[in-house]
């Protein structure tokens, strides 16, 4: 789950702006048809049709808001998982470094304690050499 939470949140903000613009367009559509002053069945039909379209526009704006909320949730989850990955990575690196240090200390201690017999000595037969 990779992504840039800042970019994701920017997309969500853009969707919210579009939702506001769509709602504003719905409001302007209704206001213009109401202000037209057209009377009779034709005027009533125009206003009814405009209100239906305005309702459709408001539904579209709500869907934009829903998508923005989903993007915000996704950005939050990306943030959470990136922090979790970082924590696990830090712990794993720490464990590896600690193991490496312990191994270095153990190997150094073993090497410091090892006093080799003189070259060609029969005591070389008593030396235990680990097999790797």
Protein backbone atom coordinates (compact mmCIF):
# COMPACT_ATOMS: atom_id res chain seq x y z
CA UNK A 1 0.00 0.00 0.00
CA UNK A 2 2.25 2.73 -1.26
CA UNK A 3 1.33 6.24 -2.19
CA UNK A 4 1.91 9.82 -1.31
CA UNK A 5 -0.59 10.79 1.41
CA UNK A 6 -0.13 14.48 0.61
CA UNK A 7 -1.00 13.92 -3.05
CA UNK A 8 -3.97 11.74 -2.06
CA UNK A 9 -5.27 14.43 0.28
CA UNK A 10 -4.80 17.03 -2.46
CA UNK A 11 -7.03 14.90 -4.73
CA UNK A 12 -9.63 14.71 -1.95
CA UNK A 13 -9.55 18.49 -1.55
CA UNK A 14 -10.02 18.87 -5.32
CA UNK A 15 -13.05 16.61 -5.22
CA UNK A 16 -14.53 18.69 -2.40
CA UNK A 17 -14.00 21.87 -4.40
CA UNK A 18 -15.73 20.26 -7.38
CA UNK A 19 -18.61 19.22 -5.12
CA UNK A 20 -19.00 22.83 -3.97
CA UNK A 21 -18.91 24.05 -7.58
CA UNK A 22 -21.53 21.49 -8.62
CA UNK A 23 -23.81 22.49 -5.73
CA UNK A 24 -23.37 26.13 -6.68
CA UNK A 25 -24.30 25.31 -10.27
CA UNK A 26 -27.43 23.52 -9.03
CA UNK A 27 -28.38 26.55 -6.94
CA UNK A 28 -27.78 28.93 -9.89
CA UNK A 29 -29.86 26.72 -12.21
CA UNK A 30 -32.86 26.80 -9.87
CA UNK A 31 -32.46 30.53 -9.18
CA UNK A 32 -32.29 31.39 -12.89
CA UNK A 33 -35.36 29.38 -13.78
CA UNK A 34 -37.28 30.82 -10.83
CA UNK A 35 -36.24 34.32 -11.87
CA UNK A 36 -37.25 33.81 -15.49
CA UNK A 37 -40.81 34.76 -14.65
CA UNK A 38 -42.23 32.33 -17.19
CA UNK A 39 -45.81 31.58 -16.22
CA UNK A 40 -48.11 28.78 -17.18
CA UNK A 41 -47.56 25.12 -17.95
CA UNK A 42 -44.37 25.82 -19.89
CA UNK A 43 -42.84 27.77 -17.00
CA UNK A 44 -43.92 25.16 -14.50
CA UNK A 45 -42.40 22.41 -16.67
CA UNK A 46 -39.14 24.37 -16.97
CA UNK A 47 -38.93 24.87 -13.22
CA UNK A 48 -39.75 21.19 -12.52
CA UNK A 49 -37.11 20.08 -15.02
CA UNK A 50 -34.54 22.48 -13.56
CA UNK A 51 -35.24 21.20 -10.04
CA UNK A 52 -34.82 17.60 -11.22
CA UNK A 53 -31.48 18.49 -12.84
CA UNK A 54 -30.45 20.39 -9.71
CA UNK A 55 -31.26 17.31 -7.63
CA UNK A 56 -29.11 15.19 -9.98
CA UNK A 57 -26.30 17.72 -9.64
CA UNK A 58 -26.54 17.64 -5.84
CA UNK A 59 -26.38 13.83 -5.93
CA UNK A 60 -23.25 14.09 -8.06
CA UNK A 61 -21.79 16.55 -5.53
CA UNK A 62 -22.53 14.10 -2.72
CA UNK A 63 -20.74 11.36 -4.65
CA UNK A 64 -17.74 13.68 -4.98
CA UNK A 65 -17.80 14.20 -1.21
CA UNK A 66 -18.03 10.44 -0.64
CA UNK A 67 -15.04 9.87 -2.92
CA UNK A 68 -13.09 12.58 -1.08
CA UNK A 69 -13.82 10.89 2.25
CA UNK A 70 -12.67 7.54 0.83
CA UNK A 71 -9.45 9.17 -0.36
CA UNK A 72 -8.89 10.71 3.07
CA UNK A 73 -9.37 7.29 4.69
CA UNK A 74 -6.94 5.81 2.20
CA UNK A 75 -4.36 8.54 2.92
CA UNK A 76 -4.74 7.87 6.64
CA UNK A 77 -4.19 4.15 6.06
CA UNK A 78 -1.14 4.83 3.88
CA UNK A 79 0.27 7.03 6.68
CA UNK A 80 -0.40 4.31 9.25
CA UNK A 81 1.17 1.56 7.17
CA UNK A 82 4.20 3.67 6.28
CA UNK A 83 4.79 4.32 10.00
CA UNK A 84 4.37 0.60 10.73
CA UNK A 85 6.83 -0.32 7.96
CA UNK A 86 9.31 2.20 9.34
CA UNK A 87 8.98 0.80 12.87
CA UNK A 88 9.47 -2.79 11.68
CA UNK A 89 12.40 -1.76 9.51
CA UNK A 90 14.05 0.10 12.43
CA UNK A 91 13.53 -2.86 14.78
CA UNK A 92 14.88 -5.35 12.23
CA UNK A 93 17.94 -3.19 11.52
CA UNK A 94 18.52 -2.83 15.26
CA UNK A 95 18.32 -6.59 15.79
CA UNK A 96 20.68 -7.26 12.89
CA UNK A 97 23.16 -4.64 14.15
CA UNK A 98 22.97 -6.01 17.70
CA UNK A 99 23.51 -9.59 16.44
CA UNK A 100 26.41 -8.44 14.30
CA UNK A 101 27.99 -6.66 17.29
CA UNK A 102 27.52 -9.69 19.53
CA UNK A 103 28.98 -11.93 16.86
CA UNK A 104 31.91 -9.57 16.41
CA UNK A 105 32.48 -9.56 20.20
CA UNK A 106 32.19 -13.36 20.36
CA UNK A 107 34.54 -13.87 17.42
CA UNK A 108 36.99 -11.29 18.79
CA UNK A 109 36.90 -12.94 22.21
CA UNK A 110 37.49 -16.36 20.73
CA UNK A 111 40.32 -15.05 18.58
CA UNK A 112 41.91 -13.18 21.50
CA UNK A 113 41.75 -16.33 23.64
CA UNK A 114 43.30 -18.51 20.96
CA UNK A 115 47.02 -19.03 21.39
CA UNK A 116 48.28 -21.11 18.50
CA UNK A 117 50.81 -23.85 19.08
CA UNK A 118 54.20 -23.40 17.47
CA UNK A 119 54.39 -24.32 13.78
CA UNK A 120 54.55 -28.06 13.22
CA UNK A 121 53.71 -28.85 16.87
CA UNK A 122 51.78 -32.03 17.69
CA UNK A 123 49.47 -29.82 19.80
CA UNK A 124 47.83 -28.72 16.54
CA UNK A 125 46.00 -32.04 16.67
CA UNK A 126 44.24 -30.88 19.85
CA UNK A 127 42.99 -27.61 18.35
CA UNK A 128 39.24 -27.57 17.73
CA UNK A 129 38.40 -25.80 14.52
CA UNK A 130 34.71 -25.14 13.94
CA UNK A 131 33.30 -26.20 10.59
CA UNK A 132 31.36 -23.41 8.88
